[in-house]
Amino acid sequence: MFHYVYILQSKRDNKFYTGYTKNLKLRFEQHQKEIVESTKNRGPFKLIYFEGCLNQQDATRREKYLKTFYGKMFLRKRLKSYFTG
């Protein structure tokens, strides 16, 4: 079973949200339905990036890293073609 780290982009304000979950499809649906308190009133969303990890500790470590300055730089490089069209 995988644990997923994911990045959402709000279609409303273009801001990003980083999170992790065991069930990516269900969690994305929860964000879309505005059930998740931290993203309530910011939807709809686009899932723009995700990674699979083998355990929860790796996923939470990766999530914390992606929220740092260096993690955001990594994502900008990784998603360069997405951002430039």
PDB file of N, CA and C in Angstrom:
ATOM      1  N   MET A   1       0.843  -1.187   0.000  1.00  0.00           N
ATOM      2  CA  MET A   1       0.000   0.000   0.000  1.00  0.00           C
ATOM      3  C   MET A   1       0.890   1.253   0.000  1.00  0.00           C
ATOM      4  N   PHE A   2       0.565   2.172  -0.850  1.00  0.00           N
ATOM      5  CA  PHE A   2       1.329   3.413  -0.963  1.00  0.00           C
ATOM      6  C   PHE A   2       0.713   4.520  -0.125  1.00  0.00           C
ATOM      7  N   HIS A   3       1.545   5.469   0.226  1.00  0.00           N
ATOM      8  CA  HIS A   3       1.134   6.733   0.840  1.00  0.00           C
ATOM      9  C   HIS A   3       1.536   7.804  -0.165  1.00  0.00           C
ATOM     10  N   TYR A   4       0.635   8.715  -0.447  1.00  0.00           N
ATOM     11  CA  TYR A   4       0.861   9.695  -1.511  1.00  0.00           C
ATOM     12  C   TYR A   4       1.068  11.100  -0.952  1.00  0.00           C
ATOM     13  N   VAL A   5       2.020  11.797  -1.535  1.00  0.00           N
ATOM     14  CA  VAL A   5       2.208  13.222  -1.310  1.00  0.00           C
ATOM     15  C   VAL A   5       1.677  13.887  -2.571  1.00  0.00           C
ATOM     16  N   TYR A   6       0.897  14.935  -2.410  1.00  0.00           N
ATOM     17  CA  TYR A   6       0.258  15.523  -3.586  1.00  0.00           C
ATOM     18  C   TYR A   6       0.252  17.050  -3.502  1.00  0.00           C
ATOM     19  N   ILE A   7       0.161  17.649  -4.684  1.00  0.00           N
ATOM     20  CA  ILE A   7       0.067  19.108  -4.790  1.00  0.00           C
ATOM     21  C   ILE A   7      -1.209  19.431  -5.561  1.00  0.00           C
ATOM     22  N   LEU A   8      -2.025  20.287  -4.981  1.00  0.00           N
ATOM     23  CA  LEU A   8      -3.228  20.775  -5.647  1.00  0.00           C
ATOM     24  C   LEU A   8      -3.035  22.240  -5.993  1.00  0.00           C
ATOM     25  N   GLN A   9      -3.651  22.651  -7.070  1.00  0.00           N
ATOM     26  CA  GLN A   9      -3.679  24.071  -7.415  1.00  0.00           C
ATOM     27  C   GLN A   9      -5.135  24.514  -7.443  1.00  0.00           C
ATOM     28  N   SER A  10      -5.425  25.560  -6.702  1.00  0.00           N
ATOM     29  CA  SER A  10      -6.779  26.094  -6.656  1.00  0.00           C
ATOM     30  C   SER A  10      -7.077  26.813  -7.962  1.00  0.00           C
ATOM     31  N   LYS A  11      -8.204  26.487  -8.552  1.00  0.00           N
ATOM     32  CA  LYS A  11      -8.628  27.203  -9.770  1.00  0.00           C
ATOM     33  C   LYS A  11      -9.188  28.583  -9.411  1.00  0.00           C
ATOM     34  N   ARG A  12      -9.507  28.776  -8.142  1.00  0.00           N
ATOM     35  CA  ARG A  12     -10.069  30.044  -7.680  1.00  0.00           C
ATOM     36  C   ARG A  12      -8.987  31.103  -7.470  1.00  0.00           C
ATOM     37  N   ASP A  13      -7.895  30.741  -6.758  1.00  0.00           N
ATOM     38  CA  ASP A  13      -6.869  31.737  -6.454  1.00  0.00           C
ATOM     39  C   ASP A  13      -5.475  31.348  -6.955  1.00  0.00           C
ATOM     40  N   ASN A  14      -5.364  30.225  -7.673  1.00  0.00           N
ATOM     41  CA  ASN A  14      -4.100  29.714  -8.237  1.00  0.00           C
ATOM     42  C   ASN A  14      -3.057  29.346  -7.196  1.00  0.00           C
ATOM     43  N   LYS A  15      -3.404  29.338  -5.923  1.00  0.00           N
ATOM     44  CA  LYS A  15      -2.453  28.960  -4.879  1.00  0.00           C
ATOM     45  C   LYS A  15      -2.374  27.439  -4.775  1.00  0.00           C
ATOM     46  N   PHE A  16      -1.300  26.970  -4.137  1.00  0.00           N
ATOM     47  CA  PHE A  16      -1.040  25.548  -4.041  1.00  0.00           C
ATOM     48  C   PHE A  16      -1.333  25.023  -2.644  1.00  0.00           C
ATOM     49  N   TYR A  17      -1.652  23.747  -2.587  1.00  0.00           N
ATOM     50  CA  TYR A  17      -1.838  23.050  -1.320  1.00  0.00           C
ATOM     51  C   TYR A  17      -1.058  21.745  -1.406  1.00  0.00           C
ATOM     52  N   THR A  18      -0.279  21.443  -0.382  1.00  0.00           N
ATOM     53  CA  THR A  18       0.512  20.218  -0.322  1.00  0.00           C
ATOM     54  C   THR A  18      -0.021  19.360   0.818  1.00  0.00           C
ATOM     55  N   GLY A  19      -0.232  18.077   0.540  1.00  0.00           N
ATOM     56  CA  GLY A  19      -0.720  17.176   1.572  1.00  0.00           C
ATOM     57  C   GLY A  19      -0.275  15.750   1.317  1.00  0.00           C
ATOM     58  N   TYR A  20      -0.682  14.851   2.190  1.00  0.00           N
ATOM     59  CA  TYR A  20      -0.409  13.430   1.977  1.00  0.00           C
ATOM     60  C   TYR A  20      -1.613  12.610   2.406  1.00  0.00           C
ATOM     61  N   THR A  21      -1.728  11.424   1.835  1.00  0.00           N
ATOM     62  CA  THR A  21      -2.865  10.557   2.106  1.00  0.00           C
ATOM     63  C   THR A  21      -2.555   9.122   1.712  1.00  0.00           C
ATOM     64  N   LYS A  22      -3.360   8.181   2.206  1.00  0.00           N
ATOM     65  CA  LYS A  22      -3.251   6.788   1.764  1.00  0.00           C
ATOM     66  C   LYS A  22      -4.138   6.539   0.550  1.00  0.00           C
ATOM     67  N   ASN A  23      -5.193   7.343   0.390  1.00  0.00           N
ATOM     68  CA  ASN A  23      -6.142   7.152  -0.704  1.00  0.00           C
ATOM     69  C   ASN A  23      -6.260   8.452  -1.486  1.00  0.00           C
ATOM     70  N   LEU A  24      -5.483   8.571  -2.530  1.00  0.00           N
ATOM     71  CA  LEU A  24      -5.399   9.825  -3.286  1.00  0.00           C
ATOM     72  C   LEU A  24      -6.730  10.190  -3.943  1.00  0.00           C
ATOM     73  N   LYS A  25      -7.389   9.222  -4.536  1.00  0.00           N
ATOM     74  CA  LYS A  25      -8.659   9.503  -5.222  1.00  0.00           C
ATOM     75  C   LYS A  25      -9.705  10.032  -4.237  1.00  0.00           C
ATOM     76  N   LEU A  26      -9.857   9.357  -3.102  1.00  0.00           N
ATOM     77  CA  LEU A  26     -10.828   9.796  -2.100  1.00  0.00           C
ATOM     78  C   LEU A  26     -10.476  11.177  -1.551  1.00  0.00           C
ATOM     79  N   ARG A  27      -9.203  11.401  -1.260  1.00  0.00           N
ATOM     80  CA  ARG A  27      -8.786  12.694  -0.696  1.00  0.00           C
ATOM     81  C   ARG A  27      -9.027  13.830  -1.684  1.00  0.00           C
ATOM     82  N   PHE A  28      -8.750  13.588  -2.964  1.00  0.00           N
ATOM     83  CA  PHE A  28      -9.002  14.604  -3.979  1.00  0.00           C
ATOM     84  C   PHE A  28     -10.503  14.931  -4.039  1.00  0.00           C
ATOM     85  N   GLU A  29     -11.333  13.909  -3.977  1.00  0.00           N
ATOM     86  CA  GLU A  29     -12.789  14.133  -3.976  1.00  0.00           C
ATOM     87  C   GLU A  29     -13.217  14.945  -2.758  1.00  0.00           C
ATOM     88  N   GLN A  30     -12.607  14.680  -1.611  1.00  0.00           N
ATOM     89  CA  GLN A  30     -12.923  15.449  -0.399  1.00  0.00           C
ATOM     90  C   GLN A  30     -12.548  16.912  -0.560  1.00  0.00           C
ATOM     91  N   HIS A  31     -11.400  17.179  -1.193  1.00  0.00           N
ATOM     92  CA  HIS A  31     -11.012  18.571  -1.458  1.00  0.00           C
ATOM     93  C   HIS A  31     -12.018  19.225  -2.403  1.00  0.00           C
ATOM     94  N   GLN A  32     -12.416  18.513  -3.436  1.00  0.00           N
ATOM     95  CA  GLN A  32     -13.358  19.072  -4.418  1.00  0.00           C
ATOM     96  C   GLN A  32     -14.714  19.389  -3.785  1.00  0.00           C
ATOM     97  N   LYS A  33     -15.134  18.562  -2.842  1.00  0.00           N
ATOM     98  CA  LYS A  33     -16.428  18.762  -2.179  1.00  0.00           C
ATOM     99  C   LYS A  33     -16.338  19.729  -1.005  1.00  0.00           C
ATOM    100  N   GLU A  34     -15.147  20.296  -0.789  1.00  0.00           N
ATOM    101  CA  GLU A  34     -14.895  21.270   0.275  1.00  0.00           C
ATOM    102  C   GLU A  34     -15.169  20.698   1.666  1.00  0.00           C
ATOM    103  N   ILE A  35     -14.840  19.420   1.844  1.00  0.00           N
ATOM    104  CA  ILE A  35     -14.965  18.752   3.139  1.00  0.00           C
ATOM    105  C   ILE A  35     -13.724  19.012   3.991  1.00  0.00           C
ATOM    106  N   VAL A  36     -12.584  19.228   3.347  1.00  0.00           N
ATOM    107  CA  VAL A  36     -11.314  19.416   4.044  1.00  0.00           C
ATOM    108  C   VAL A  36     -11.233  20.856   4.554  1.00  0.00           C
ATOM    109  N   GLU A  37     -11.092  21.002   5.861  1.00  0.00           N
ATOM    110  CA  GLU A  37     -11.115  22.328   6.492  1.00  0.00           C
ATOM    111  C   GLU A  37     -10.035  23.269   5.949  1.00  0.00           C
ATOM    112  N   SER A  38      -8.834  22.744   5.711  1.00  0.00           N
ATOM    113  CA  SER A  38      -7.718  23.608   5.289  1.00  0.00           C
ATOM    114  C   SER A  38      -7.859  24.140   3.870  1.00  0.00           C
ATOM    115  N   THR A  39      -8.731  23.535   3.062  1.00  0.00           N
ATOM    116  CA  THR A  39      -8.903  24.023   1.687  1.00  0.00           C
ATOM    117  C   THR A  39     -10.344  24.441   1.398  1.00  0.00           C
ATOM    118  N   LYS A  40     -11.151  24.500   2.439  1.00  0.00           N
ATOM    119  CA  LYS A  40     -12.543  24.887   2.272  1.00  0.00           C
ATOM    120  C   LYS A  40     -12.628  26.269   1.623  1.00  0.00           C
ATOM    121  N   ASN A  41     -13.549  26.455   0.728  1.00  0.00           N
ATOM    122  CA  ASN A  41     -13.780  27.727   0.023  1.00  0.00           C
ATOM    123  C   ASN A  41     -12.667  28.108  -0.942  1.00  0.00           C
ATOM    124  N   ARG A  42     -11.784  27.163  -1.301  1.00  0.00           N
ATOM    125  CA  ARG A  42     -10.715  27.472  -2.261  1.00  0.00           C
ATOM    126  C   ARG A  42     -10.857  26.667  -3.539  1.00  0.00           C
ATOM    127  N   GLY A  43     -11.793  25.740  -3.597  1.00  0.00           N
ATOM    128  CA  GLY A  43     -11.962  24.867  -4.759  1.00  0.00           C
ATOM    129  C   GLY A  43     -12.689  25.572  -5.878  1.00  0.00           C
ATOM    130  N   PRO A  44     -12.737  24.960  -7.009  1.00  0.00           N
ATOM    131  CA  PRO A  44     -12.264  23.617  -7.352  1.00  0.00           C
ATOM    132  C   PRO A  44     -10.737  23.574  -7.508  1.00  0.00           C
ATOM    133  N   PHE A  45     -10.209  22.358  -7.561  1.00  0.00           N
ATOM    134  CA  PHE A  45      -8.767  22.144  -7.617  1.00  0.00           C
ATOM    135  C   PHE A  45      -8.356  21.323  -8.829  1.00  0.00           C
ATOM    136  N   LYS A  46      -7.086  21.475  -9.174  1.00  0.00           N
ATOM    137  CA  LYS A  46      -6.433  20.596 -10.143  1.00  0.00           C
ATOM    138  C   LYS A  46      -5.345  19.851  -9.380  1.00  0.00           C
ATOM    139  N   LEU A  47      -5.257  18.553  -9.602  1.00  0.00           N
ATOM    140  CA  LEU A  47      -4.154  17.769  -9.052  1.00  0.00           C
ATOM    141  C   LEU A  47      -3.000  17.935 -10.033  1.00  0.00           C
ATOM    142  N   ILE A  48      -1.931  18.609  -9.610  1.00  0.00           N
ATOM    143  CA  ILE A  48      -0.849  18.891 -10.547  1.00  0.00           C
ATOM    144  C   ILE A  48       0.390  18.042 -10.315  1.00  0.00           C
ATOM    145  N   TYR A  49       0.468  17.339  -9.159  1.00  0.00           N
ATOM    146  CA  TYR A  49       1.666  16.546  -8.891  1.00  0.00           C
ATOM    147  C   TYR A  49       1.373  15.569  -7.758  1.00  0.00           C
ATOM    148  N   PHE A  50       1.930  14.358  -7.854  1.00  0.00           N
ATOM    149  CA  PHE A  50       1.893  13.436  -6.726  1.00  0.00           C
ATOM    150  C   PHE A  50       3.063  12.472  -6.795  1.00  0.00           C
ATOM    151  N   GLU A  51       3.425  11.961  -5.633  1.00  0.00           N
ATOM    152  CA  GLU A  51       4.482  10.961  -5.504  1.00  0.00           C
ATOM    153  C   GLU A  51       3.954   9.853  -4.604  1.00  0.00           C
ATOM    154  N   GLY A  52       4.356   8.620  -4.879  1.00  0.00           N
ATOM    155  CA  GLY A  52       4.001   7.496  -4.035  1.00  0.00           C
ATOM    156  C   GLY A  52       5.169   7.137  -3.127  1.00  0.00           C
ATOM    157  N   CYS A  53       4.899   6.912  -1.852  1.00  0.00           N
ATOM    158  CA  CYS A  53       5.911   6.507  -0.876  1.00  0.00           C
ATOM    159  C   CYS A  53       5.492   5.163  -0.277  1.00  0.00           C
ATOM    160  N   LEU A  54       6.470   4.391   0.167  1.00  0.00           N
ATOM    161  CA  LEU A  54       6.183   3.063   0.694  1.00  0.00           C
ATOM    162  C   LEU A  54       5.671   3.054   2.124  1.00  0.00           C
ATOM    163  N   ASN A  55       5.911   4.146   2.866  1.00  0.00           N
ATOM    164  CA  ASN A  55       5.388   4.195   4.239  1.00  0.00           C
ATOM    165  C   ASN A  55       5.037   5.634   4.623  1.00  0.00           C
ATOM    166  N   GLN A  56       4.309   5.749   5.723  1.00  0.00           N
ATOM    167  CA  GLN A  56       3.807   7.050   6.151  1.00  0.00           C
ATOM    168  C   GLN A  56       4.936   8.006   6.543  1.00  0.00           C
ATOM    169  N   GLN A  57       5.980   7.489   7.197  1.00  0.00           N
ATOM    170  CA  GLN A  57       7.074   8.373   7.609  1.00  0.00           C
ATOM    171  C   GLN A  57       7.737   9.038   6.402  1.00  0.00           C
ATOM    172  N   ASP A  58       7.966   8.279   5.350  1.00  0.00           N
ATOM    173  CA  ASP A  58       8.560   8.859   4.138  1.00  0.00           C
ATOM    174  C   ASP A  58       7.641   9.913   3.537  1.00  0.00           C
ATOM    175  N   ALA A  59       6.352   9.624   3.513  1.00  0.00           N
ATOM    176  CA  ALA A  59       5.386  10.568   2.938  1.00  0.00           C
ATOM    177  C   ALA A  59       5.334  11.865   3.741  1.00  0.00           C
ATOM    178  N   THR A  60       5.305  11.768   5.068  1.00  0.00           N
ATOM    179  CA  THR A  60       5.236  12.992   5.869  1.00  0.00           C
ATOM    180  C   THR A  60       6.533  13.781   5.784  1.00  0.00           C
ATOM    181  N   ARG A  61       7.668  13.078   5.726  1.00  0.00           N
ATOM    182  CA  ARG A  61       8.952  13.778   5.541  1.00  0.00           C
ATOM    183  C   ARG A  61       8.988  14.500   4.200  1.00  0.00           C
ATOM    184  N   ARG A  62       8.509  13.826   3.177  1.00  0.00           N
ATOM    185  CA  ARG A  62       8.510  14.422   1.835  1.00  0.00           C
ATOM    186  C   ARG A  62       7.562  15.625   1.780  1.00  0.00           C
ATOM    187  N   GLU A  63       6.408  15.497   2.411  1.00  0.00           N
ATOM    188  CA  GLU A  63       5.459  16.608   2.459  1.00  0.00           C
ATOM    189  C   GLU A  63       6.093  17.824   3.134  1.00  0.00           C
ATOM    190  N   LYS A  64       6.749  17.603   4.266  1.00  0.00           N
ATOM    191  CA  LYS A  64       7.400  18.714   4.973  1.00  0.00           C
ATOM    192  C   LYS A  64       8.479  19.351   4.115  1.00  0.00           C
ATOM    193  N   TYR A  65       9.254  18.521   3.400  1.00  0.00           N
ATOM    194  CA  TYR A  65      10.298  19.056   2.525  1.00  0.00           C
ATOM    195  C   TYR A  65       9.687  19.900   1.405  1.00  0.00           C
ATOM    196  N   LEU A  66       8.635  19.409   0.769  1.00  0.00           N
ATOM    197  CA  LEU A  66       8.036  20.134  -0.351  1.00  0.00           C
ATOM    198  C   LEU A  66       7.428  21.466   0.080  1.00  0.00           C
ATOM    199  N   LYS A  67       7.167  21.629   1.361  1.00  0.00           N
ATOM    200  CA  LYS A  67       6.637  22.895   1.874  1.00  0.00           C
ATOM    201  C   LYS A  67       7.740  23.905   2.186  1.00  0.00           C
ATOM    202  N   THR A  68       9.004  23.470   2.151  1.00  0.00           N
ATOM    203  CA  THR A  68      10.116  24.385   2.425  1.00  0.00           C
ATOM    204  C   THR A  68      10.467  25.181   1.169  1.00  0.00           C
ATOM    205  N   PHE A  69      11.326  26.164   1.339  1.00  0.00           N
ATOM    206  CA  PHE A  69      11.806  26.961   0.212  1.00  0.00           C
ATOM    207  C   PHE A  69      12.460  26.079  -0.843  1.00  0.00           C
ATOM    208  N   TYR A  70      13.326  25.159  -0.401  1.00  0.00           N
ATOM    209  CA  TYR A  70      14.033  24.292  -1.349  1.00  0.00           C
ATOM    210  C   TYR A  70      13.081  23.297  -2.014  1.00  0.00           C
ATOM    211  N   GLY A  71      12.095  22.841  -1.277  1.00  0.00           N
ATOM    212  CA  GLY A  71      11.097  21.954  -1.852  1.00  0.00           C
ATOM    213  C   GLY A  71      10.275  22.651  -2.918  1.00  0.00           C
ATOM    214  N   LYS A  72       9.944  23.908  -2.675  1.00  0.00           N
ATOM    215  CA  LYS A  72       9.187  24.680  -3.672  1.00  0.00           C
ATOM    216  C   LYS A  72      10.033  24.937  -4.907  1.00  0.00           C
ATOM    217  N   MET A  73      11.330  25.151  -4.714  1.00  0.00           N
ATOM    218  CA  MET A  73      12.225  25.315  -5.868  1.00  0.00           C
ATOM    219  C   MET A  73      12.289  24.017  -6.673  1.00  0.00           C
ATOM    220  N   PHE A  74      12.381  22.877  -5.988  1.00  0.00           N
ATOM    221  CA  PHE A  74      12.380  21.585  -6.655  1.00  0.00           C
ATOM    222  C   PHE A  74      11.119  21.420  -7.500  1.00  0.00           C
ATOM    223  N   LEU A  75       9.961  21.757  -6.927  1.00  0.00           N
ATOM    224  CA  LEU A  75       8.700  21.613  -7.659  1.00  0.00           C
ATOM    225  C   LEU A  75       8.631  22.536  -8.863  1.00  0.00           C
ATOM    226  N   ARG A  76       9.120  23.745  -8.719  1.00  0.00           N
ATOM    227  CA  ARG A  76       9.107  24.676  -9.859  1.00  0.00           C
ATOM    228  C   ARG A  76       9.947  24.122 -11.013  1.00  0.00           C
ATOM    229  N   LYS A  77      11.110  23.549 -10.684  1.00  0.00           N
ATOM    230  CA  LYS A  77      11.947  22.922 -11.712  1.00  0.00           C
ATOM    231  C   LYS A  77      11.257  21.706 -12.313  1.00  0.00           C
ATOM    232  N   ARG A  78      10.724  20.878 -11.453  1.00  0.00           N
ATOM    233  CA  ARG A  78      10.093  19.629 -11.871  1.00  0.00           C
ATOM    234  C   ARG A  78       8.867  19.901 -12.757  1.00  0.00           C
ATOM    235  N   LEU A  79       8.141  20.964 -12.451  1.00  0.00           N
ATOM    236  CA  LEU A  79       6.901  21.285 -13.170  1.00  0.00           C
ATOM    237  C   LEU A  79       7.073  22.465 -14.115  1.00  0.00           C
ATOM    238  N   LYS A  80       8.292  22.724 -14.515  1.00  0.00           N
ATOM    239  CA  LYS A  80       8.595  23.892 -15.341  1.00  0.00           C
ATOM    240  C   LYS A  80       7.723  23.952 -16.586  1.00  0.00           C
ATOM    241  N   SER A  81       7.574  22.850 -17.294  1.00  0.00           N
ATOM    242  CA  SER A  81       6.765  22.865 -18.517  1.00  0.00           C
ATOM    243  C   SER A  81       5.292  23.088 -18.203  1.00  0.00           C
ATOM    244  N   TYR A  82       4.827  22.639 -17.033  1.00  0.00           N
ATOM    245  CA  TYR A  82       3.440  22.880 -16.637  1.00  0.00           C
ATOM    246  C   TYR A  82       3.221  24.373 -16.423  1.00  0.00           C
ATOM    247  N   PHE A  83       4.174  25.029 -15.742  1.00  0.00           N
ATOM    248  CA  PHE A  83       4.014  26.449 -15.437  1.00  0.00           C
ATOM    249  C   PHE A  83       4.178  27.340 -16.662  1.00  0.00           C
ATOM    250  N   THR A  84       5.018  26.938 -17.620  1.00  0.00           N
ATOM    251  CA  THR A  84       5.265  27.786 -18.790  1.00  0.00           C
ATOM    252  C   THR A  84       4.328  27.466 -19.944  1.00  0.00           C
ATOM    253  N   GLY A  85       3.593  26.403 -19.834  1.00  0.00           N
ATOM    254  CA  GLY A  85       2.604  26.065 -20.863  1.00  0.00           C
ATOM    255  C   GLY A  85       3.218  25.285 -21.916  1.00  0.00           C
TER     256      GLY A  85
END
